[in-house]
Full PDB file with SEQRES, HELIX, SHEET, SSBOND, CRYST1, ORIGX, SCALE, CONECT and MASTER records, all heavy atoms in Angstrom:
SEQRES   1 A   36  ALA SER GLY SER ILE PHE SER ILE ASN ALA MET GLY TRP          
SEQRES   2 A   36  TYR ARG GLN ALA PRO GLY LYS GLN ARG GLU LEU VAL ALA          
SEQRES   3 A   36  ILE ILE THR ARG ASP GLY ARG THR LYS TYR                      
HELIX    1 AA1 ILE A    5  SER A    7  5                                   3    
SHEET    1 AA1 3 ALA A  10  ARG A  15  0                                        
SHEET    2 AA1 3 GLU A  23  THR A  29 -1                                        
SHEET    3 AA1 3 THR A  34  LYS A  35 -1                                        
CRYST1    1.000    1.000    1.000  90.00  90.00  90.00 P 1           1          
ORIGX1      1.000000  0.000000  0.000000        0.00000                         
ORIGX2      0.000000  1.000000  0.000000        0.00000                         
ORIGX3      0.000000  0.000000  1.000000        0.00000                         
SCALE1      1.000000  0.000000  0.000000        0.00000                         
SCALE2      0.000000  1.000000  0.000000        0.00000                         
SCALE3      0.000000  0.000000  1.000000        0.00000                         
ATOM      1  N   ALA A   1     115.436 109.025 118.354  1.00  0.00           N  
ATOM      2  CA  ALA A   1     114.555 107.935 118.763  1.00  0.00           C  
ATOM      3  C   ALA A   1     114.769 107.588 120.233  1.00  0.00           C  
ATOM      4  O   ALA A   1     115.893 107.596 120.731  1.00  0.00           O  
ATOM      5  CB  ALA A   1     114.793 106.701 117.903  1.00  0.00           C  
ATOM      6  N   SER A   2     113.671 107.259 120.925  1.00  0.00           N  
ATOM      7  CA  SER A   2     113.741 106.824 122.312  1.00  0.00           C  
ATOM      8  C   SER A   2     112.641 105.803 122.569  1.00  0.00           C  
ATOM      9  O   SER A   2     111.738 105.636 121.754  1.00  0.00           O  
ATOM     10  CB  SER A   2     113.613 108.010 123.274  1.00  0.00           C  
ATOM     11  OG  SER A   2     112.368 108.668 123.112  1.00  0.00           O  
ATOM     12  N   GLY A   3     112.714 105.106 123.706  1.00  0.00           N  
ATOM     13  CA  GLY A   3     111.730 104.091 124.040  1.00  0.00           C  
ATOM     14  C   GLY A   3     112.233 102.699 123.712  1.00  0.00           C  
ATOM     15  O   GLY A   3     113.366 102.361 124.037  1.00  0.00           O  
ATOM     16  N   SER A   4     111.404 101.892 123.040  1.00  0.00           N  
ATOM     17  CA  SER A   4     111.726 100.502 122.720  1.00  0.00           C  
ATOM     18  C   SER A   4     112.606 100.415 121.482  1.00  0.00           C  
ATOM     19  O   SER A   4     112.232  99.823 120.462  1.00  0.00           O  
ATOM     20  CB  SER A   4     110.442  99.695 122.538  1.00  0.00           C  
ATOM     21  OG  SER A   4     109.637  99.724 123.698  1.00  0.00           O  
ATOM     22  N   ILE A   5     113.798 100.995 121.579  1.00  0.00           N  
ATOM     23  CA  ILE A   5     114.697 101.077 120.426  1.00  0.00           C  
ATOM     24  C   ILE A   5     115.186  99.697 119.992  1.00  0.00           C  
ATOM     25  O   ILE A   5     115.525  99.504 118.824  1.00  0.00           O  
ATOM     26  CB  ILE A   5     115.874 102.013 120.756  1.00  0.00           C  
ATOM     27  CG1 ILE A   5     115.349 103.401 121.129  1.00  0.00           C  
ATOM     28  CG2 ILE A   5     116.834 102.107 119.579  1.00  0.00           C  
ATOM     29  CD1 ILE A   5     116.434 104.352 121.602  1.00  0.00           C  
ATOM     30  N   PHE A   6     115.206  98.734 120.899  1.00  0.00           N  
ATOM     31  CA  PHE A   6     115.667  97.389 120.567  1.00  0.00           C  
ATOM     32  C   PHE A   6     114.855  96.757 119.450  1.00  0.00           C  
ATOM     33  O   PHE A   6     115.342  95.856 118.766  1.00  0.00           O  
ATOM     34  CB  PHE A   6     115.616  96.493 121.812  1.00  0.00           C  
ATOM     35  CG  PHE A   6     114.231  96.266 122.340  1.00  0.00           C  
ATOM     36  CD1 PHE A   6     113.462  95.212 121.892  1.00  0.00           C  
ATOM     37  CD2 PHE A   6     113.690  97.111 123.291  1.00  0.00           C  
ATOM     38  CE1 PHE A   6     112.182  95.001 122.368  1.00  0.00           C  
ATOM     39  CE2 PHE A   6     112.412  96.918 123.783  1.00  0.00           C  
ATOM     40  CZ  PHE A   6     111.652  95.855 123.311  1.00  0.00           C  
ATOM     41  N   SER A   7     113.606  97.204 119.258  1.00  0.00           N  
ATOM     42  CA  SER A   7     112.731  96.624 118.245  1.00  0.00           C  
ATOM     43  C   SER A   7     112.945  97.223 116.859  1.00  0.00           C  
ATOM     44  O   SER A   7     112.326  96.771 115.898  1.00  0.00           O  
ATOM     45  CB  SER A   7     111.265  96.813 118.650  1.00  0.00           C  
ATOM     46  OG  SER A   7     110.908  98.184 118.678  1.00  0.00           O  
ATOM     47  N   ILE A   8     113.799  98.221 116.724  1.00  0.00           N  
ATOM     48  CA  ILE A   8     114.012  98.933 115.458  1.00  0.00           C  
ATOM     49  C   ILE A   8     115.239  98.412 114.728  1.00  0.00           C  
ATOM     50  O   ILE A   8     116.291  98.230 115.337  1.00  0.00           O  
ATOM     51  CB  ILE A   8     114.194 100.442 115.713  1.00  0.00           C  
ATOM     52  CG1 ILE A   8     112.969 101.040 116.393  1.00  0.00           C  
ATOM     53  CG2 ILE A   8     114.477 101.166 114.400  1.00  0.00           C  
ATOM     54  CD1 ILE A   8     113.186 102.475 116.853  1.00  0.00           C  
ATOM     55  N   ASN A   9     115.109  98.180 113.433  1.00  0.00           N  
ATOM     56  CA  ASN A   9     116.292  97.950 112.615  1.00  0.00           C  
ATOM     57  C   ASN A   9     116.259  98.759 111.319  1.00  0.00           C  
ATOM     58  O   ASN A   9     117.121  98.585 110.453  1.00  0.00           O  
ATOM     59  CB  ASN A   9     116.522  96.461 112.324  1.00  0.00           C  
ATOM     60  CG  ASN A   9     115.544  95.878 111.332  1.00  0.00           C  
ATOM     61  OD1 ASN A   9     114.553  96.499 110.966  1.00  0.00           O  
ATOM     62  ND2 ASN A   9     115.834  94.649 110.898  1.00  0.00           N  
ATOM     63  N   ALA A  10     115.286  99.661 111.185  1.00  0.00           N  
ATOM     64  CA  ALA A  10     115.199 100.519 110.013  1.00  0.00           C  
ATOM     65  C   ALA A  10     114.539 101.833 110.391  1.00  0.00           C  
ATOM     66  O   ALA A  10     113.603 101.862 111.197  1.00  0.00           O  
ATOM     67  CB  ALA A  10     114.422  99.838 108.893  1.00  0.00           C  
ATOM     68  N   MET A  11     115.013 102.917 109.805  1.00  0.00           N  
ATOM     69  CA  MET A  11     114.400 104.221 109.987  1.00  0.00           C  
ATOM     70  C   MET A  11     114.325 104.907 108.635  1.00  0.00           C  
ATOM     71  O   MET A  11     115.100 104.606 107.733  1.00  0.00           O  
ATOM     72  CB  MET A  11     115.181 105.079 110.978  1.00  0.00           C  
ATOM     73  CG  MET A  11     115.202 104.502 112.387  1.00  0.00           C  
ATOM     74  SD  MET A  11     116.035 105.564 113.602  1.00  0.00           S  
ATOM     75  CE  MET A  11     114.857 106.935 113.712  1.00  0.00           C  
ATOM     76  N   GLY A  12     113.377 105.831 108.512  1.00  0.00           N  
ATOM     77  CA  GLY A  12     113.200 106.489 107.226  1.00  0.00           C  
ATOM     78  C   GLY A  12     112.629 107.875 107.343  1.00  0.00           C  
ATOM     79  O   GLY A  12     112.205 108.315 108.417  1.00  0.00           O  
ATOM     80  N   TRP A  13     112.640 108.565 106.216  1.00  0.00           N  
ATOM     81  CA  TRP A  13     112.036 109.881 106.081  1.00  0.00           C  
ATOM     82  C   TRP A  13     110.976 109.839 104.993  1.00  0.00           C  
ATOM     83  O   TRP A  13     111.206 109.289 103.913  1.00  0.00           O  
ATOM     84  CB  TRP A  13     113.076 110.945 105.720  1.00  0.00           C  
ATOM     85  CG  TRP A  13     114.019 111.285 106.829  1.00  0.00           C  
ATOM     86  CD1 TRP A  13     115.259 110.777 107.046  1.00  0.00           C  
ATOM     87  CD2 TRP A  13     113.784 112.245 107.873  1.00  0.00           C  
ATOM     88  NE1 TRP A  13     115.824 111.353 108.158  1.00  0.00           N  
ATOM     89  CE2 TRP A  13     114.937 112.259 108.686  1.00  0.00           C  
ATOM     90  CE3 TRP A  13     112.728 113.088 108.195  1.00  0.00           C  
ATOM     91  CZ2 TRP A  13     115.056 113.085 109.811  1.00  0.00           C  
ATOM     92  CZ3 TRP A  13     112.841 113.906 109.313  1.00  0.00           C  
ATOM     93  CH2 TRP A  13     113.990 113.898 110.097  1.00  0.00           C  
ATOM     94  N   TYR A  14     109.820 110.417 105.284  1.00  0.00           N  
ATOM     95  CA  TYR A  14     108.747 110.614 104.328  1.00  0.00           C  
ATOM     96  C   TYR A  14     108.386 112.088 104.314  1.00  0.00           C  
ATOM     97  O   TYR A  14     108.728 112.819 105.229  1.00  0.00           O  
ATOM     98  CB  TYR A  14     107.516 109.781 104.703  1.00  0.00           C  
ATOM     99  CG  TYR A  14     107.662 108.295 104.469  1.00  0.00           C  
ATOM    100  CD1 TYR A  14     108.421 107.510 105.321  1.00  0.00           C  
ATOM    101  CD2 TYR A  14     107.028 107.678 103.393  1.00  0.00           C  
ATOM    102  CE1 TYR A  14     108.554 106.144 105.115  1.00  0.00           C  
ATOM    103  CE2 TYR A  14     107.151 106.318 103.178  1.00  0.00           C  
ATOM    104  CZ  TYR A  14     107.913 105.560 104.043  1.00  0.00           C  
ATOM    105  OH  TYR A  14     108.036 104.203 103.824  1.00  0.00           O  
ATOM    106  N   ARG A  15     107.661 112.523 103.287  1.00  0.00           N  
ATOM    107  CA  ARG A  15     107.209 113.905 103.251  1.00  0.00           C  
ATOM    108  C   ARG A  15     105.806 113.982 102.677  1.00  0.00           C  
ATOM    109  O   ARG A  15     105.382 113.110 101.930  1.00  0.00           O  
ATOM    110  CB  ARG A  15     108.163 114.790 102.445  1.00  0.00           C  
ATOM    111  CG  ARG A  15     108.157 114.533 100.944  1.00  0.00           C  
ATOM    112  CD  ARG A  15     109.200 115.402 100.254  1.00  0.00           C  
ATOM    113  NE  ARG A  15     109.129 115.297  98.805  1.00  0.00           N  
ATOM    114  CZ  ARG A  15     109.974 115.889  97.970  1.00  0.00           C  
ATOM    115  NH1 ARG A  15     110.965 116.638  98.446  1.00  0.00           N  
ATOM    116  NH2 ARG A  15     109.824 115.736  96.660  1.00  0.00           N  
ATOM    117  N   GLN A  16     105.085 115.049 103.027  1.00  0.00           N  
ATOM    118  CA  GLN A  16     103.745 115.268 102.524  1.00  0.00           C  
ATOM    119  C   GLN A  16     103.525 116.753 102.277  1.00  0.00           C  
ATOM    120  O   GLN A  16     103.631 117.565 103.191  1.00  0.00           O  
ATOM    121  CB  GLN A  16     102.691 114.736 103.501  1.00  0.00           C  
ATOM    122  CG  GLN A  16     101.279 114.793 102.946  1.00  0.00           C  
ATOM    123  CD  GLN A  16     100.292 114.010 103.796  1.00  0.00           C  
ATOM    124  OE1 GLN A  16     100.511 113.803 104.985  1.00  0.00           O  
ATOM    125  NE2 GLN A  16      99.212 113.573 103.192  1.00  0.00           N  
ATOM    126  N   ALA A  17     103.223 117.098 101.037  1.00  0.00           N  
ATOM    127  CA  ALA A  17     102.899 118.461 100.654  1.00  0.00           C  
ATOM    128  C   ALA A  17     101.386 118.650 100.695  1.00  0.00           C  
ATOM    129  O   ALA A  17     100.631 117.680 100.566  1.00  0.00           O  
ATOM    130  CB  ALA A  17     103.436 118.760  99.258  1.00  0.00           C  
ATOM    131  N   PRO A  18     100.906 119.890 100.861  1.00  0.00           N  
ATOM    132  CA  PRO A  18      99.462 120.138 100.897  1.00  0.00           C  
ATOM    133  C   PRO A  18      98.758 119.603  99.663  1.00  0.00           C  
ATOM    134  O   PRO A  18      99.188 119.842  98.534  1.00  0.00           O  
ATOM    135  CB  PRO A  18      99.366 121.660 100.973  1.00  0.00           C  
ATOM    136  CG  PRO A  18     100.645 122.080 101.617  1.00  0.00           C  
ATOM    137  CD  PRO A  18     101.677 121.125 101.083  1.00  0.00           C  
ATOM    138  N   GLY A  19      97.675 118.848  99.867  1.00  0.00           N  
ATOM    139  CA  GLY A  19      96.903 118.305  98.770  1.00  0.00           C  
ATOM    140  C   GLY A  19      97.494 117.083  98.103  1.00  0.00           C  
ATOM    141  O   GLY A  19      96.926 116.591  97.128  1.00  0.00           O  
ATOM    142  N   LYS A  20      98.629 116.579  98.595  1.00  0.00           N  
ATOM    143  CA  LYS A  20      99.274 115.415  98.010  1.00  0.00           C  
ATOM    144  C   LYS A  20      99.421 114.310  99.052  1.00  0.00           C  
ATOM    145  O   LYS A  20      99.404 114.564 100.254  1.00  0.00           O  
ATOM    146  CB  LYS A  20     100.645 115.782  97.442  1.00  0.00           C  
ATOM    147  CG  LYS A  20     100.604 116.790  96.306  1.00  0.00           C  
ATOM    148  CD  LYS A  20     101.983 117.039  95.735  1.00  0.00           C  
ATOM    149  CE  LYS A  20     101.935 118.004  94.564  1.00  0.00           C  
ATOM    150  NZ  LYS A  20     103.296 118.248  94.005  1.00  0.00           N  
ATOM    151  N   GLN A  21      99.588 113.077  98.575  1.00  0.00           N  
ATOM    152  CA  GLN A  21      99.770 111.959  99.480  1.00  0.00           C  
ATOM    153  C   GLN A  21     101.205 111.900  99.988  1.00  0.00           C  
ATOM    154  O   GLN A  21     102.127 112.452  99.379  1.00  0.00           O  
ATOM    155  CB  GLN A  21      99.394 110.641  98.797  1.00  0.00           C  
ATOM    156  CG  GLN A  21     100.268 110.256  97.628  1.00  0.00           C  
ATOM    157  CD  GLN A  21      99.815 108.964  96.977  1.00  0.00           C  
ATOM    158  OE1 GLN A  21      98.750 108.430  97.282  1.00  0.00           O  
ATOM    159  NE2 GLN A  21     100.621 108.442  96.071  1.00  0.00           N  
ATOM    160  N   ARG A  22     101.382 111.232 101.115  1.00  0.00           N  
ATOM    161  CA  ARG A  22     102.703 111.049 101.689  1.00  0.00           C  
ATOM    162  C   ARG A  22     103.569 110.215 100.753  1.00  0.00           C  
ATOM    163  O   ARG A  22     103.110 109.223 100.179  1.00  0.00           O  
ATOM    164  CB  ARG A  22     102.576 110.367 103.052  1.00  0.00           C  
ATOM    165  CG  ARG A  22     103.879 110.217 103.811  1.00  0.00           C  
ATOM    166  CD  ARG A  22     103.618 109.539 105.149  1.00  0.00           C  
ATOM    167  NE  ARG A  22     103.049 108.209 104.969  1.00  0.00           N  
ATOM    168  CZ  ARG A  22     102.569 107.459 105.949  1.00  0.00           C  
ATOM    169  NH1 ARG A  22     102.584 107.902 107.201  1.00  0.00           N  
ATOM    170  NH2 ARG A  22     102.069 106.255 105.696  1.00  0.00           N  
ATOM    171  N   GLU A  23     104.843 110.600 100.602  1.00  0.00           N  
ATOM    172  CA  GLU A  23     105.743 109.877  99.728  1.00  0.00           C  
ATOM    173  C   GLU A  23     107.062 109.569 100.425  1.00  0.00           C  
ATOM    174  O   GLU A  23     107.517 110.303 101.299  1.00  0.00           O  
ATOM    175  CB  GLU A  23     106.011 110.663  98.440  1.00  0.00           C  
ATOM    176  CG  GLU A  23     106.742 111.976  98.644  1.00  0.00           C  
ATOM    177  CD  GLU A  23     107.092 112.671  97.336  1.00  0.00           C  
ATOM    178  OE1 GLU A  23     107.146 111.994  96.287  1.00  0.00           O  
ATOM    179  OE2 GLU A  23     107.314 113.896  97.360  1.00  0.00           O  
ATOM    180  N   LEU A  24     107.677 108.482 100.003  1.00  0.00           N  
ATOM    181  CA  LEU A  24     108.971 108.075 100.540  1.00  0.00           C  
ATOM    182  C   LEU A  24     110.063 109.046 100.111  1.00  0.00           C  
ATOM    183  O   LEU A  24     110.110 109.470  98.957  1.00  0.00           O  
ATOM    184  CB  LEU A  24     109.312 106.673 100.056  1.00  0.00           C  
ATOM    185  CG  LEU A  24     110.739 106.176 100.334  1.00  0.00           C  
ATOM    186  CD1 LEU A  24     110.928 105.918 101.822  1.00  0.00           C  
ATOM    187  CD2 LEU A  24     111.044 104.919  99.532  1.00  0.00           C  
ATOM    188  N   VAL A  25     110.962 109.372 101.035  1.00  0.00           N  
ATOM    189  CA  VAL A  25     112.163 110.138 100.727  1.00  0.00           C  
ATOM    190  C   VAL A  25     113.381 109.215 100.734  1.00  0.00           C  
ATOM    191  O   VAL A  25     114.083 109.082  99.739  1.00  0.00           O  
ATOM    192  CB  VAL A  25     112.370 111.301 101.712  1.00  0.00           C  
ATOM    193  CG1 VAL A  25     113.684 112.019 101.422  1.00  0.00           C  
ATOM    194  CG2 VAL A  25     111.198 112.277 101.641  1.00  0.00           C  
ATOM    195  N   ALA A  26     113.641 108.562 101.880  1.00  0.00           N  
ATOM    196  CA  ALA A  26     114.802 107.688 102.006  1.00  0.00           C  
ATOM    197  C   ALA A  26     114.640 106.767 103.201  1.00  0.00           C  
ATOM    198  O   ALA A  26     113.915 107.079 104.146  1.00  0.00           O  
ATOM    199  CB  ALA A  26     116.090 108.507 102.153  1.00  0.00           C  
ATOM    200  N   ILE A  27     115.338 105.624 103.171  1.00  0.00           N  
ATOM    201  CA  ILE A  27     115.331 104.640 104.247  1.00  0.00           C  
ATOM    202  C   ILE A  27     116.762 104.210 104.537  1.00  0.00           C  
ATOM    203  O   ILE A  27     117.577 104.102 103.622  1.00  0.00           O  
ATOM    204  CB  ILE A  27     114.480 103.407 103.875  1.00  0.00           C  
ATOM    205  CG1 ILE A  27     113.006 103.786 103.744  1.00  0.00           C  
ATOM    206  CG2 ILE A  27     114.644 102.282 104.900  1.00  0.00           C  
ATOM    207  CD1 ILE A  27     112.143 102.691 103.160  1.00  0.00           C  
ATOM    208  N   ILE A  28     117.058 103.946 105.805  1.00  0.00           N  
ATOM    209  CA  ILE A  28     118.353 103.396 106.188  1.00  0.00           C  
ATOM    210  C   ILE A  28     118.146 102.302 107.227  1.00  0.00           C  
ATOM    211  O   ILE A  28     117.306 102.420 108.111  1.00  0.00           O  
ATOM    212  CB  ILE A  28     119.307 104.500 106.714  1.00  0.00           C  
ATOM    213  CG1 ILE A  28     120.717 103.952 106.895  1.00  0.00           C  
ATOM    214  CG2 ILE A  28     118.775 105.115 108.002  1.00  0.00           C  
ATOM    215  CD1 ILE A  28     121.769 105.034 107.067  1.00  0.00           C  
ATOM    216  N   THR A  29     118.912 101.201 107.108  1.00  0.00           N  
ATOM    217  CA  THR A  29     118.851 100.111 108.065  1.00  0.00           C  
ATOM    218  C   THR A  29     119.976 100.245 109.080  1.00  0.00           C  
ATOM    219  O   THR A  29     120.913 101.026 108.899  1.00  0.00           O  
ATOM    220  CB  THR A  29     118.953  98.752 107.367  1.00  0.00           C  
ATOM    221  OG1 THR A  29     120.202  98.660 106.666  1.00  0.00           O  
ATOM    222  CG2 THR A  29     117.809  98.572 106.378  1.00  0.00           C  
ATOM    223  N   ARG A  30     119.892  99.462 110.162  1.00  0.00           N  
ATOM    224  CA  ARG A  30     120.870  99.555 111.235  1.00  0.00           C  
ATOM    225  C   ARG A  30     122.285  99.252 110.753  1.00  0.00           C  
ATOM    226  O   ARG A  30     123.253  99.805 111.277  1.00  0.00           O  
ATOM    227  CB  ARG A  30     120.497  98.620 112.384  1.00  0.00           C  
ATOM    228  CG  ARG A  30     121.271  98.879 113.667  1.00  0.00           C  
ATOM    229  CD  ARG A  30     120.873  97.903 114.758  1.00  0.00           C  
ATOM    230  NE  ARG A  30     119.476  98.036 115.137  1.00  0.00           N  
ATOM    231  CZ  ARG A  30     119.012  98.913 116.030  1.00  0.00           C  
ATOM    232  NH1 ARG A  30     119.846  99.746 116.634  1.00  0.00           N  
ATOM    233  NH2 ARG A  30     117.720  98.957 116.313  1.00  0.00           N  
ATOM    234  N   ASP A  31     122.410  98.383 109.737  1.00  0.00           N  
ATOM    235  CA  ASP A  31     123.729  98.051 109.207  1.00  0.00           C  
ATOM    236  C   ASP A  31     124.166  98.973 108.074  1.00  0.00           C  
ATOM    237  O   ASP A  31     125.175  98.707 107.418  1.00  0.00           O  
ATOM    238  CB  ASP A  31     123.783  96.587 108.769  1.00  0.00           C  
ATOM    239  CG  ASP A  31     122.816  96.262 107.650  1.00  0.00           C  
ATOM    240  OD1 ASP A  31     122.045  97.150 107.250  1.00  0.00           O  
ATOM    241  OD2 ASP A  31     122.825  95.109 107.171  1.00  0.00           O  
ATOM    242  N   GLY A  32     123.415 100.060 107.830  1.00  0.00           N  
ATOM    243  CA  GLY A  32     123.864 101.091 106.918  1.00  0.00           C  
ATOM    244  C   GLY A  32     123.375 101.010 105.487  1.00  0.00           C  
ATOM    245  O   GLY A  32     123.776 101.846 104.657  1.00  0.00           O  
ATOM    246  N   ARG A  33     122.533 100.045 105.148  1.00  0.00           N  
ATOM    247  CA  ARG A  33     121.976  99.980 103.797  1.00  0.00           C  
ATOM    248  C   ARG A  33     120.984 101.115 103.597  1.00  0.00           C  
ATOM    249  O   ARG A  33     120.229 101.463 104.496  1.00  0.00           O  
ATOM    250  CB  ARG A  33     121.296  98.641 103.554  1.00  0.00           C  
ATOM    251  CG  ARG A  33     122.251  97.456 103.488  1.00  0.00           C  
ATOM    252  CD  ARG A  33     121.470  96.159 103.360  1.00  0.00           C  
ATOM    253  NE  ARG A  33     120.701  95.895 104.569  1.00  0.00           N  
ATOM    254  CZ  ARG A  33     119.635  95.101 104.623  1.00  0.00           C  
ATOM    255  NH1 ARG A  33     119.202  94.500 103.518  1.00  0.00           N  
ATOM    256  NH2 ARG A  33     119.017  94.907 105.773  1.00  0.00           N  
ATOM    257  N   THR A  34     120.966 101.706 102.402  1.00  0.00           N  
ATOM    258  CA  THR A  34     120.101 102.848 102.114  1.00  0.00           C  
ATOM    259  C   THR A  34     119.254 102.613 100.872  1.00  0.00           C  
ATOM    260  O   THR A  34     119.601 101.826  99.987  1.00  0.00           O  
ATOM    261  CB  THR A  34     120.919 104.133 101.919  1.00  0.00           C  
ATOM    262  OG1 THR A  34     121.844 103.963 100.841  1.00  0.00           O  
ATOM    263  CG2 THR A  34     121.681 104.475 103.187  1.00  0.00           C  
ATOM    264  N   LYS A  35     118.139 103.332 100.804  1.00  0.00           N  
ATOM    265  CA  LYS A  35     117.240 103.310  99.659  1.00  0.00           C  
ATOM    266  C   LYS A  35     116.669 104.713  99.494  1.00  0.00           C  
ATOM    267  O   LYS A  35     116.278 105.340 100.478  1.00  0.00           O  
ATOM    268  CB  LYS A  35     116.114 102.296  99.866  1.00  0.00           C  
ATOM    269  CG  LYS A  35     115.104 102.241  98.733  1.00  0.00           C  
ATOM    270  CD  LYS A  35     114.010 101.233  99.034  1.00  0.00           C  
ATOM    271  CE  LYS A  35     112.973 101.176  97.928  1.00  0.00           C  
ATOM    272  NZ  LYS A  35     111.904 100.201  98.219  1.00  0.00           N  
ATOM    273  N   TYR A  36     116.618 105.207  98.253  1.00  0.00           N  
ATOM    274  CA  TYR A  36     116.117 106.543  97.973  1.00  0.00           C  
ATOM    275  C   TYR A  36     115.023 106.508  96.923  1.00  0.00           C  
ATOM    276  O   TYR A  36     115.056 105.685  95.998  1.00  0.00           O  
ATOM    277  CB  TYR A  36     117.233 107.449  97.457  1.00  0.00           C  
ATOM    278  CG  TYR A  36     118.347 107.710  98.435  1.00  0.00           C  
ATOM    279  CD1 TYR A  36     119.465 106.888  98.489  1.00  0.00           C  
ATOM    280  CD2 TYR A  36     118.282 108.797  99.304  1.00  0.00           C  
ATOM    281  CE1 TYR A  36     120.489 107.134  99.390  1.00  0.00           C  
ATOM    282  CE2 TYR A  36     119.300 109.047 100.199  1.00  0.00           C  
ATOM    283  CZ  TYR A  36     120.407 108.207 100.237  1.00  0.00           C  
ATOM    284  OH  TYR A  36     121.418 108.467 101.130  1.00  0.00           O  
TER     285      TYR A  36                                                      
MASTER        0    0    0    1    3    0    0    6  284    1    0    3          
END                                                                             
């Protein structure tokens, strides 16, 4: 990540297969909390 990083406190991964909608993979917050 670069740019206005000060505005971020969460990052995540999503995925999309052909013919399917985008789906959540995982999320992590700046303090280390995760969701899958």
